[in-house]
Amino acid sequence: MTILKRKKNKDTEVRESSLEVTELTASTPYVPESKKPKKDNTHWLYIAVIIAVVAGIIFGIAAPDVAKEFKVVGTTFVRLITMMIVPVIFCTIVLGIGSVRAAASVGKAGGIALAYFMTMSTFALGIGLVVGNLIQPGSDLNIEATKGAAAQFTSGNKQEADGIVGFIQSIIPDTFFSSLTSGSVLQTLFIALLVGFAVQSLGKTGDGILRAVAAIQKLVFKVLYMVLWLAPIGAFGAMAGVVGSTGAKAVGQMLLLMVAFYITCILFICVVLGSILAIFTRFNIFKLMKYLAKEYLLIVATSSSESALPNLMRKMEHLGIHKITVGIVVPTGYSFNLDGTAIYLTMSAIFISDAMNKPMGLGEQIGLLIFMMIASKGAAGVSGAGIATLAAGLQSHRPELLDGVGVIVGIDRFMSEARALTNFTGNAGATLLVGTWTHTIDRQRVYDVLNGKLPYNPQEDDVDIDLRNPSVEVRDQFPHTPQPDVEAIENLTREEHATASKE
């Protein structure tokens, strides 16, 4: 209710509200919504890193003695990444286990998808190890670790006895919460697995806990995203320090790693995935890639496959795969089918160990492979999650190698597109495979779509990219660790059964 009051000696009318002035103070804290749509400006970060890397190389060659002192800049950036390891691992593992439970509970398609994802991710990790050992990237660089770095990062890893018994005891934290503060990644992983399985055993009661963890994960990845905007500074310091210490040959070794990684990803897509698709589905991988060409441009612009998730789901349904199969396979694949990330993790770990002249033995490589196989699950196509997982793997197995992550930061941006595109293609191929194996695919429609007879009509909600201004609007449509909506899938299944019975 409002009243009109005429002020003395004035002809103007002032409208007064019945609302008390004290009621204009918020009773609870809140974050006001931005009036402008949020944009993903990752392409500017990419350009800045390129400039920083080139500047660091030139500085290292021109003034090597001075450039050596800038190594601390790269090391400081690594500490910022290391700071994020524990929350990233905890949230992704807890929510990743939820993805497993969700996929396994929706029938045959979920079980087949999980088995396929685990097999292919392990195979991709193995390929990374084989290629890394064959080309030995980073050999003879002899990058020195910061003095005391190992002690700094192993302070939380108490080994109470020698051998396997001591190793097992070191995984068990002193208290539940000390696992999140001690700095031991293996302790964090252990507690995350316990919490993940415990929450799933609670049934519907655990939904609130999962929503809270998902909210924390969004916050964690937002902080990680903010940290990554300092990557140009870290890349400059790391490149200047490495080139200043080892000379121009460091540039050649890093180029070798990048070229080998790109070639490995291309061969993995065209030969491995292409052969599997041809054998089991009789579909052509190149026609599938042509069909998803716009999504590839979107991924290159954002360095993340997360932005293309809604488009992929709509396109796979248009391709002729049943909606339920798409709803199960694609979200689960974004958490568990990270082939490109798997290749990146193992090749980068071997590069760092060779570059620091501390090569890993076969046993250490296998142990690292097992850790990466678990820790990478749930780290969806979020830009920056890959390097955080790499740092976590090194911290848990060879903490004295953590300083080498600074070198990878300098070239990580150049490798992120390849791993995101590989992840994305792997998930598209997996959807076709699971649809074929579960007989939930219209094969004739697939042929017609891939041959251009039934073109995809862009939807209003599709994320698009303008190469003249490649800033992508951020849409929080899906969580960072997507999983199938079991309730929605069950409702859709019941509706389809009811419709079929009437007919």
Protein backbone atom coordinates (compact mmCIF):
# COMPACT_ATOMS: atom_id res chain seq x y z
CA MET A 1 0.00 0.00 0.00
CA THR A 2 1.32 3.47 -0.86
CA ILE A 3 0.14 6.96 0.12
CA LEU A 4 0.74 10.37 -1.43
CA LYS A 5 2.09 13.11 0.83
CA ARG A 6 2.46 16.77 -0.15
CA LYS A 7 5.53 18.42 1.35
CA LYS A 8 5.23 21.86 2.91
CA ASN A 9 5.94 24.81 0.60
CA LYS A 10 6.36 22.43 -2.35
CA ASP A 11 4.06 21.47 -5.17
CA THR A 12 5.80 18.14 -5.89
CA GLU A 13 4.26 14.92 -4.65
CA VAL A 14 6.44 12.28 -3.04
CA ARG A 15 5.35 8.65 -3.12
CA GLU A 16 6.03 6.90 0.18
CA SER A 17 6.00 3.16 0.71
CA SER A 18 4.47 1.35 3.64
CA LEU A 19 7.73 -0.69 3.82
CA GLU A 20 9.84 0.12 6.87
CA VAL A 21 13.40 1.26 6.16
CA THR A 22 14.76 -1.51 8.39
CA GLU A 23 13.12 -4.07 6.13
CA LEU A 24 15.46 -3.06 3.31
CA THR A 25 18.25 -5.04 4.97
CA ALA A 26 18.49 -8.67 3.84
CA SER A 27 17.66 -11.16 6.57
CA THR A 28 20.01 -13.78 5.06
CA PRO A 29 23.18 -13.46 2.96
CA TYR A 30 22.71 -13.80 -0.76
CA VAL A 31 24.62 -13.28 -4.00
CA PRO A 32 22.91 -10.84 -6.39
CA GLU A 33 22.45 -12.14 -9.91
CA SER A 34 24.63 -10.58 -12.57
CA LYS A 35 22.64 -8.44 -15.02
CA LYS A 36 24.89 -9.54 -17.88
CA PRO A 37 25.10 -13.19 -19.01
CA LYS A 38 28.27 -14.95 -17.86
CA LYS A 39 30.80 -15.54 -20.63
CA ASP A 40 33.56 -18.12 -20.96
CA ASN A 41 36.52 -16.06 -22.15
CA THR A 42 39.02 -18.92 -22.09
CA HIS A 43 40.32 -17.99 -25.55
CA TRP A 44 41.90 -14.86 -24.05
CA LEU A 45 43.67 -17.03 -21.49
CA TYR A 46 44.92 -19.25 -24.31
CA ILE A 47 46.35 -16.24 -26.17
CA ALA A 48 47.96 -14.90 -22.99
CA VAL A 49 49.65 -18.25 -22.28
CA ILE A 50 51.05 -18.39 -25.84
CA ILE A 51 52.53 -14.90 -25.43
CA ALA A 52 53.91 -15.78 -21.98
CA VAL A 53 55.51 -19.02 -23.20
CA VAL A 54 57.20 -17.29 -26.17
CA ALA A 55 58.36 -14.45 -23.90
CA GLY A 56 59.72 -16.94 -21.35
CA ILE A 57 61.66 -18.83 -24.02
CA ILE A 58 63.17 -15.62 -25.45
CA PHE A 59 64.05 -14.38 -21.96
CA GLY A 60 65.64 -17.72 -21.05
CA ILE A 61 67.82 -17.71 -24.17
CA ALA A 62 68.73 -14.01 -24.00
CA ALA A 63 69.52 -13.79 -20.27
CA PRO A 64 69.88 -17.32 -18.88
CA ASP A 65 71.48 -16.32 -15.58
CA VAL A 66 68.67 -13.90 -14.73
CA ALA A 67 65.96 -16.19 -16.14
CA LYS A 68 66.97 -19.00 -13.76
CA GLU A 69 65.81 -16.88 -10.84
CA PHE A 70 62.30 -16.70 -12.30
CA LYS A 71 61.79 -20.41 -11.67
CA VAL A 72 60.25 -19.50 -8.32
CA VAL A 73 57.34 -17.88 -10.20
CA GLY A 74 56.46 -21.23 -11.80
CA THR A 75 56.94 -23.04 -8.50
CA THR A 76 54.56 -20.62 -6.78
CA PHE A 77 51.91 -21.31 -9.41
CA VAL A 78 52.36 -25.06 -8.83
CA ARG A 79 51.70 -24.44 -5.13
CA LEU A 80 48.40 -22.78 -6.08
CA ILE A 81 47.44 -25.82 -8.16
CA THR A 82 48.53 -28.15 -5.34
CA MET A 83 46.31 -26.20 -2.95
CA MET A 84 43.28 -27.37 -4.94
CA ILE A 85 44.16 -31.07 -5.12
CA VAL A 86 42.40 -32.30 -1.96
CA PRO A 87 38.98 -30.67 -2.59
CA VAL A 88 39.06 -31.61 -6.29
CA ILE A 89 39.83 -35.28 -5.53
CA PHE A 90 37.30 -35.51 -2.67
CA CYS A 91 34.38 -33.97 -4.57
CA THR A 92 34.98 -35.78 -7.87
CA ILE A 93 35.37 -39.20 -6.22
CA VAL A 94 32.26 -38.84 -4.02
CA LEU A 95 30.14 -37.67 -6.95
CA GLY A 96 31.82 -40.12 -9.35
CA ILE A 97 30.71 -43.04 -7.20
CA GLY A 98 27.20 -41.59 -7.45
CA SER A 99 27.51 -41.75 -11.24
CA VAL A 100 28.47 -45.42 -11.03
CA ARG A 101 25.49 -46.21 -8.81
CA ALA A 102 23.13 -44.23 -11.04
CA ALA A 103 24.36 -45.90 -14.23
CA ALA A 104 24.30 -49.37 -12.71
CA SER A 105 20.75 -48.94 -11.41
CA VAL A 106 19.13 -48.11 -14.77
CA GLY A 107 19.52 -51.49 -16.37
CA LYS A 108 21.56 -53.17 -19.05
CA ALA A 109 22.72 -50.01 -20.85
CA GLY A 110 24.30 -48.61 -17.69
CA GLY A 111 26.20 -51.79 -16.88
CA ILE A 112 27.50 -52.17 -20.44
CA ALA A 113 28.53 -48.50 -20.55
CA LEU A 114 30.47 -48.74 -17.27
CA ALA A 115 32.31 -51.88 -18.37
CA TYR A 116 33.23 -50.27 -21.69
CA PHE A 117 34.36 -47.01 -20.06
CA MET A 118 36.60 -48.76 -17.54
CA THR A 119 38.15 -50.90 -20.26
CA MET A 120 38.82 -48.03 -22.66
CA SER A 121 40.15 -45.63 -19.99
CA THR A 122 42.57 -48.29 -18.71
CA PHE A 123 43.63 -49.01 -22.30
CA ALA A 124 44.20 -45.28 -22.92
CA LEU A 125 46.33 -45.00 -19.76
CA GLY A 126 48.36 -47.97 -20.92
CA ILE A 127 48.87 -46.39 -24.36
CA GLY A 128 50.15 -43.23 -22.69
CA LEU A 129 52.66 -45.25 -20.67
CA VAL A 130 53.85 -47.20 -23.72
CA VAL A 131 54.29 -44.09 -25.91
CA GLY A 132 55.97 -42.20 -23.06
CA ASN A 133 58.48 -44.98 -22.49
CA LEU A 134 59.17 -45.31 -26.22
CA ILE A 135 59.90 -41.66 -26.99
CA GLN A 136 61.20 -40.73 -23.50
CA PRO A 137 60.22 -37.06 -23.68
CA GLY A 138 62.17 -34.72 -21.44
CA SER A 139 65.22 -36.98 -21.21
CA ASP A 140 68.52 -35.23 -20.41
CA LEU A 141 66.86 -31.94 -19.44
CA ASN A 142 67.93 -32.46 -15.82
CA ILE A 143 65.53 -29.95 -14.29
CA GLU A 144 66.36 -29.45 -10.64
CA ALA A 145 63.68 -29.64 -7.97
CA THR A 146 63.34 -26.91 -5.40
CA LYS A 147 65.26 -27.78 -2.28
CA GLY A 148 63.01 -29.32 0.34
CA ALA A 149 60.08 -29.75 -2.05
CA ALA A 150 59.76 -33.45 -1.32
CA ALA A 151 59.69 -32.92 2.43
CA GLN A 152 57.11 -30.19 2.03
CA PHE A 153 54.66 -32.40 0.19
CA THR A 154 55.28 -35.61 2.10
CA SER A 155 54.81 -34.11 5.55
CA GLY A 156 51.37 -35.66 5.71
CA ASN A 157 52.48 -39.12 4.62
CA LYS A 158 53.53 -40.87 7.82
CA GLN A 159 54.95 -44.27 7.12
CA GLU A 160 54.85 -46.27 10.31
CA ALA A 161 56.63 -49.35 9.02
CA ASP A 162 58.51 -50.51 5.99
CA GLY A 163 57.07 -52.41 3.04
CA ILE A 164 53.47 -53.03 2.13
CA VAL A 165 52.26 -52.89 5.75
CA GLY A 166 53.70 -49.43 6.21
CA PHE A 167 52.19 -48.29 2.92
CA ILE A 168 48.71 -49.47 3.97
CA GLN A 169 49.06 -47.83 7.37
CA SER A 170 50.14 -44.55 5.76
CA ILE A 171 46.87 -44.46 3.79
CA ILE A 172 44.76 -44.54 6.97
CA PRO A 173 44.51 -41.00 8.42
CA ASP A 174 44.77 -40.17 12.12
CA THR A 175 41.26 -38.71 12.07
CA PHE A 176 38.48 -38.39 9.50
CA PHE A 177 39.11 -34.69 8.90
CA SER A 178 42.90 -34.86 9.05
CA SER A 179 42.77 -36.64 5.69
CA LEU A 180 41.58 -33.34 4.20
CA THR A 181 44.27 -31.24 5.86
CA SER A 182 47.39 -33.44 6.10
CA GLY A 183 48.33 -33.10 2.43
CA SER A 184 48.25 -36.85 1.76
CA VAL A 185 46.36 -37.46 -1.46
CA LEU A 186 46.05 -41.20 -0.80
CA GLN A 187 44.38 -40.48 2.56
CA THR A 188 41.98 -38.10 0.82
CA LEU A 189 41.23 -40.74 -1.82
CA PHE A 190 40.60 -43.37 0.89
CA ILE A 191 38.15 -41.16 2.81
CA ALA A 192 36.44 -40.02 -0.42
CA LEU A 193 35.81 -43.64 -1.41
CA LEU A 194 34.38 -44.42 2.04
CA VAL A 195 32.14 -41.34 1.99
CA GLY A 196 31.01 -42.02 -1.58
CA PHE A 197 29.92 -45.59 -0.86
CA ALA A 198 28.41 -44.60 2.52
CA VAL A 199 26.29 -41.86 0.93
CA GLN A 200 25.04 -44.26 -1.74
CA SER A 201 24.02 -46.76 0.93
CA LEU A 202 21.82 -44.11 2.56
CA GLY A 203 19.45 -44.08 -0.41
CA LYS A 204 17.21 -41.02 -0.69
CA THR A 205 18.54 -39.72 2.64
CA GLY A 206 21.90 -39.16 0.98
CA ASP A 207 20.52 -36.87 -1.73
CA GLY A 208 20.99 -33.78 0.41
CA ILE A 209 24.63 -34.70 1.09
CA LEU A 210 25.30 -35.20 -2.62
CA ARG A 211 23.70 -31.85 -3.45
CA ALA A 212 25.93 -30.20 -0.85
CA VAL A 213 29.06 -31.89 -2.28
CA ALA A 214 28.00 -30.87 -5.81
CA ALA A 215 27.62 -27.25 -4.63
CA ILE A 216 31.07 -27.38 -3.00
CA GLN A 217 32.48 -28.86 -6.21
CA LYS A 218 31.13 -25.92 -8.21
CA LEU A 219 32.86 -23.58 -5.78
CA VAL A 220 36.11 -25.58 -5.96
CA PHE A 221 36.20 -25.55 -9.75
CA LYS A 222 35.36 -21.84 -9.77
CA VAL A 223 38.38 -21.19 -7.53
CA LEU A 224 40.49 -23.46 -9.76
CA TYR A 225 39.29 -21.51 -12.80
CA MET A 226 40.37 -18.27 -11.09
CA VAL A 227 43.78 -19.77 -10.30
CA LEU A 228 44.20 -20.78 -13.94
CA TRP A 229 43.97 -17.14 -15.01
CA LEU A 230 47.40 -16.79 -13.40
CA ALA A 231 48.72 -19.48 -15.75
CA PRO A 232 50.41 -16.94 -18.08
CA ILE A 233 52.52 -15.68 -15.17
CA GLY A 234 53.33 -19.21 -14.03
CA ALA A 235 54.08 -20.32 -17.59
CA PHE A 236 56.44 -17.38 -18.12
CA GLY A 237 58.38 -18.12 -14.93
CA ALA A 238 58.54 -21.86 -15.56
CA MET A 239 59.63 -21.52 -19.19
CA ALA A 240 62.19 -18.84 -18.39
CA GLY A 241 63.63 -20.96 -15.57
CA VAL A 242 63.80 -24.17 -17.62
CA VAL A 243 65.24 -22.57 -20.77
CA GLY A 244 67.66 -20.51 -18.68
CA SER A 245 68.91 -23.67 -16.95
CA THR A 246 68.98 -26.14 -19.84
CA GLY A 247 69.12 -24.00 -22.98
CA ALA A 248 67.10 -24.20 -26.17
CA LYS A 249 66.96 -28.01 -26.08
CA ALA A 250 64.17 -27.69 -23.49
CA VAL A 251 61.94 -26.20 -26.20
CA GLY A 252 62.64 -29.16 -28.47
CA GLN A 253 61.77 -31.67 -25.75
CA MET A 254 58.47 -29.93 -24.97
CA LEU A 255 57.61 -29.77 -28.66
CA LEU A 256 58.36 -33.50 -28.84
CA LEU A 257 55.90 -34.17 -26.02
CA MET A 258 53.15 -32.04 -27.62
CA VAL A 259 53.59 -33.53 -31.09
CA ALA A 260 53.71 -37.08 -29.68
CA PHE A 261 50.59 -36.41 -27.61
CA TYR A 262 48.64 -35.03 -30.58
CA ILE A 263 49.71 -37.93 -32.79
CA THR A 264 48.76 -40.44 -30.08
CA CYS A 265 45.31 -38.84 -29.67
CA ILE A 266 44.73 -38.79 -33.44
CA LEU A 267 45.75 -42.45 -33.78
CA PHE A 268 43.61 -43.37 -30.77
CA ILE A 269 40.53 -41.76 -32.37
CA CYS A 270 41.09 -42.82 -35.98
CA VAL A 271 42.62 -46.26 -35.48
CA VAL A 272 41.45 -47.56 -32.08
CA LEU A 273 37.99 -45.98 -31.81
CA GLY A 274 37.50 -46.11 -35.58
CA SER A 275 38.24 -49.84 -35.68
CA ILE A 276 35.96 -50.59 -32.73
CA LEU A 277 33.11 -48.64 -34.35
CA ALA A 278 33.66 -50.32 -37.71
CA ILE A 279 33.80 -53.84 -36.21
CA PHE A 280 30.85 -53.60 -33.82
CA THR A 281 28.55 -51.04 -35.47
CA ARG A 282 29.65 -50.78 -39.12
CA PHE A 283 29.59 -46.97 -38.84
CA ASN A 284 32.34 -44.63 -40.04
CA ILE A 285 34.23 -42.61 -37.42
CA PHE A 286 35.04 -39.84 -39.92
CA LYS A 287 31.38 -39.33 -40.84
CA LEU A 288 30.55 -39.15 -37.13
CA MET A 289 33.28 -36.51 -36.62
CA LYS A 290 31.94 -34.50 -39.57
CA TYR A 291 28.45 -34.63 -38.01
CA LEU A 292 29.88 -33.19 -34.76
CA ALA A 293 32.06 -30.54 -36.46
CA LYS A 294 30.36 -27.53 -34.79
CA GLU A 295 30.81 -29.09 -31.37
CA TYR A 296 34.52 -29.52 -32.09
CA LEU A 297 34.82 -25.78 -32.77
CA LEU A 298 33.02 -25.07 -29.50
CA ILE A 299 35.46 -27.31 -27.60
CA VAL A 300 38.50 -25.69 -29.21
CA ALA A 301 37.19 -22.26 -28.17
CA THR A 302 36.68 -23.28 -24.52
CA SER A 303 39.41 -25.98 -24.09
CA SER A 304 36.71 -28.08 -22.42
CA SER A 305 34.24 -30.72 -23.58
CA GLU A 306 31.80 -29.69 -20.81
CA SER A 307 30.38 -26.84 -22.92
CA ALA A 308 29.32 -29.26 -25.68
CA LEU A 309 27.44 -31.72 -23.43
CA PRO A 310 23.86 -30.48 -24.16
CA ASN A 311 24.56 -30.32 -27.91
CA LEU A 312 26.00 -33.85 -27.93
CA MET A 313 22.94 -35.30 -26.18
CA ARG A 314 20.52 -33.67 -28.64
CA LYS A 315 22.59 -34.68 -31.66
CA MET A 316 22.95 -38.31 -30.56
CA GLU A 317 19.17 -38.53 -30.09
CA HIS A 318 18.66 -36.99 -33.55
CA LEU A 319 21.15 -39.55 -34.91
CA GLY A 320 18.72 -42.33 -34.06
CA ILE A 321 19.77 -43.54 -30.61
CA HIS A 322 17.02 -43.97 -28.04
CA LYS A 323 16.60 -41.07 -25.63
CA ILE A 324 17.09 -43.28 -22.55
CA THR A 325 20.35 -44.73 -23.88
CA VAL A 326 21.64 -41.23 -24.60
CA GLY A 327 20.56 -40.09 -21.12
CA ILE A 328 22.51 -42.94 -19.52
CA VAL A 329 25.66 -43.13 -21.62
CA VAL A 330 26.59 -39.49 -22.29
CA PRO A 331 26.47 -38.12 -18.69
CA THR A 332 28.20 -41.24 -17.34
CA GLY A 333 30.83 -41.00 -20.07
CA TYR A 334 31.65 -37.43 -19.09
CA SER A 335 32.69 -38.75 -15.69
CA PHE A 336 34.22 -42.10 -16.64
CA ASN A 337 35.24 -42.14 -20.29
CA LEU A 338 38.13 -39.67 -20.33
CA ASP A 339 40.43 -41.27 -22.89
CA GLY A 340 42.28 -38.09 -23.86
CA THR A 341 42.85 -37.13 -20.22
CA ALA A 342 44.15 -40.65 -19.49
CA ILE A 343 46.75 -40.42 -22.28
CA TYR A 344 47.74 -36.92 -21.14
CA LEU A 345 48.20 -37.93 -17.49
CA THR A 346 50.57 -40.82 -18.10
CA MET A 347 52.62 -39.17 -20.87
CA SER A 348 53.02 -35.98 -18.81
CA ALA A 349 54.06 -37.91 -15.70
CA ILE A 350 56.77 -39.75 -17.65
CA PHE A 351 57.93 -36.47 -19.25
CA ILE A 352 58.32 -34.86 -15.82
CA SER A 353 60.20 -37.82 -14.34
CA ASP A 354 62.58 -37.95 -17.33
CA ALA A 355 63.05 -34.17 -17.40
CA MET A 356 64.05 -34.17 -13.72
CA ASN A 357 66.37 -37.13 -14.33
CA LYS A 358 64.37 -39.26 -11.89
CA PRO A 359 62.75 -41.90 -14.11
CA MET A 360 60.01 -44.07 -12.65
CA GLY A 361 60.41 -47.84 -12.49
CA LEU A 362 57.79 -50.19 -13.94
CA GLY A 363 56.23 -50.80 -10.51
CA GLU A 364 55.90 -47.05 -9.88
CA GLN A 365 54.36 -46.55 -13.31
CA ILE A 366 51.78 -49.28 -12.71
CA GLY A 367 50.97 -47.83 -9.27
CA LEU A 368 50.57 -44.40 -10.84
CA LEU A 369 48.35 -45.89 -13.56
CA ILE A 370 46.04 -47.44 -10.94
CA PHE A 371 45.85 -44.15 -9.03
CA MET A 372 45.14 -42.16 -12.19
CA MET A 373 42.48 -44.68 -13.20
CA ILE A 374 40.59 -43.92 -9.98
CA ALA A 375 41.40 -40.23 -9.50
CA SER A 376 40.52 -39.20 -13.06
CA LYS A 377 36.97 -40.54 -12.71
CA GLY A 378 34.56 -37.72 -12.12
CA ALA A 379 37.02 -35.06 -13.33
CA ALA A 380 34.70 -34.13 -16.16
CA GLY A 381 35.76 -31.98 -19.12
CA VAL A 382 36.49 -29.01 -16.87
CA SER A 383 39.43 -26.91 -17.98
CA GLY A 384 42.17 -27.27 -15.35
CA ALA A 385 40.97 -30.54 -13.82
CA GLY A 386 43.57 -32.50 -15.82
CA ILE A 387 46.60 -30.69 -14.44
CA ALA A 388 45.19 -30.87 -10.89
CA THR A 389 44.80 -34.66 -11.25
CA LEU A 390 48.36 -34.91 -12.64
CA ALA A 391 49.69 -33.01 -9.62
CA ALA A 392 47.68 -35.30 -7.33
CA GLY A 393 49.17 -38.42 -8.91
CA LEU A 394 52.73 -37.14 -8.57
CA GLN A 395 52.14 -35.94 -5.01
CA SER A 396 50.88 -39.37 -3.98
CA HIS A 397 53.66 -41.39 -5.66
CA ARG A 398 56.67 -39.18 -6.33
CA PRO A 399 56.23 -35.82 -4.53
CA GLU A 400 59.76 -34.76 -5.40
CA LEU A 401 58.55 -34.48 -9.03
CA LEU A 402 55.87 -31.88 -8.25
CA ASP A 403 58.08 -28.98 -9.32
CA GLY A 404 58.05 -30.42 -12.83
CA VAL A 405 54.34 -29.64 -13.10
CA GLY A 406 55.40 -26.02 -13.64
CA VAL A 407 56.94 -27.02 -16.97
CA ILE A 408 53.73 -28.76 -18.03
CA VAL A 409 51.74 -25.61 -17.16
CA GLY A 410 53.61 -23.85 -19.95
CA ILE A 411 52.38 -26.31 -22.59
CA ASP A 412 49.19 -27.57 -20.93
CA ARG A 413 47.01 -25.08 -22.81
CA PHE A 414 48.32 -26.45 -26.11
CA MET A 415 47.44 -30.00 -25.06
CA SER A 416 44.05 -29.30 -23.51
CA GLU A 417 42.22 -29.12 -26.85
CA ALA A 418 43.53 -32.52 -27.94
CA ARG A 419 42.46 -34.25 -24.74
CA ALA A 420 39.04 -32.53 -24.71
CA LEU A 421 38.38 -33.49 -28.34
CA THR A 422 39.49 -37.07 -27.65
CA ASN A 423 37.22 -37.29 -24.60
CA PHE A 424 34.29 -35.91 -26.59
CA THR A 425 34.79 -38.23 -29.58
CA GLY A 426 35.14 -41.22 -27.24
CA ASN A 427 31.80 -40.44 -25.61
CA ALA A 428 30.05 -40.01 -28.97
CA GLY A 429 31.44 -43.34 -30.16
CA ALA A 430 30.49 -45.03 -26.88
CA THR A 431 26.87 -43.91 -27.31
CA LEU A 432 26.73 -45.55 -30.74
CA LEU A 433 28.31 -48.73 -29.39
CA VAL A 434 26.02 -49.07 -26.37
CA GLY A 435 23.00 -48.29 -28.54
CA THR A 436 24.04 -51.08 -30.91
CA TRP A 437 24.71 -53.60 -28.13
CA THR A 438 21.38 -52.87 -26.39
CA HIS A 439 19.40 -52.73 -29.67
CA THR A 440 18.18 -49.20 -28.92
CA ILE A 441 19.28 -47.66 -32.19
CA ASP A 442 17.63 -46.98 -35.54
CA ARG A 443 20.42 -48.07 -37.87
CA GLN A 444 18.78 -46.76 -41.05
CA ARG A 445 18.32 -43.33 -39.49
CA VAL A 446 21.98 -43.31 -38.41
CA TYR A 447 23.05 -43.97 -41.99
CA ASP A 448 20.72 -41.25 -43.31
CA VAL A 449 21.92 -38.66 -40.77
CA LEU A 450 25.62 -39.40 -41.24
CA ASN A 451 25.20 -39.27 -45.03
CA GLY A 452 23.49 -35.87 -44.83
CA LYS A 453 20.00 -36.99 -45.82
CA LEU A 454 18.51 -35.96 -42.44
CA PRO A 455 20.46 -32.88 -41.34
CA TYR A 456 20.32 -31.73 -37.71
CA ASN A 457 18.25 -28.59 -37.17
CA PRO A 458 19.86 -26.43 -34.45
CA GLN A 459 17.71 -26.02 -31.34
CA GLU A 460 17.10 -22.80 -29.47
CA ASP A 461 19.04 -24.03 -26.42
CA ASP A 462 22.09 -25.22 -28.40
CA VAL A 463 25.38 -23.59 -27.44
CA ASP A 464 26.91 -21.97 -30.52
CA ILE A 465 30.26 -20.35 -31.23
CA ASP A 466 31.15 -17.28 -33.28
CA LEU A 467 34.81 -17.56 -34.31
CA ARG A 468 35.03 -13.76 -34.70
CA ASN A 469 34.15 -13.41 -31.00
CA PRO A 470 34.55 -16.86 -29.41
CA SER A 471 33.21 -15.93 -25.95
CA VAL A 472 30.71 -18.62 -24.97
CA GLU A 473 27.78 -17.92 -22.65
CA VAL A 474 28.13 -19.98 -19.48
CA ARG A 475 25.06 -22.10 -18.69
CA ASP A 476 24.90 -23.99 -15.41
CA GLN A 477 22.59 -26.60 -16.90
CA PHE A 478 24.59 -29.60 -15.70
CA PRO A 479 26.86 -30.27 -12.70
CA HIS A 480 30.62 -30.68 -13.23
CA THR A 481 30.24 -34.42 -12.62
CA PRO A 482 27.09 -35.23 -14.61
CA GLN A 483 25.19 -38.46 -14.02
CA PRO A 484 21.99 -40.03 -15.34
CA ASP A 485 18.73 -38.84 -13.73
CA VAL A 486 17.51 -42.23 -12.54
CA GLU A 487 14.03 -41.00 -11.60
CA ALA A 488 13.46 -39.29 -14.97
CA ILE A 489 14.70 -42.35 -16.86
CA GLU A 490 12.44 -44.68 -14.87
CA ASN A 491 9.43 -42.40 -15.48
CA LEU A 492 10.15 -42.28 -19.21
CA THR A 493 10.51 -46.07 -19.30
CA ARG A 494 7.14 -46.51 -17.57
CA GLU A 495 5.48 -44.08 -19.99
CA GLU A 496 6.85 -45.96 -22.98
CA HIS A 497 5.74 -49.32 -21.57
CA ALA A 498 2.25 -47.90 -20.92
CA THR A 499 2.04 -46.52 -24.47
CA ALA A 500 3.22 -49.83 -25.94
CA SER A 501 0.67 -51.84 -23.93
CA LYS A 502 -2.20 -49.61 -25.19
CA GLU A 503 -1.14 -50.20 -28.74
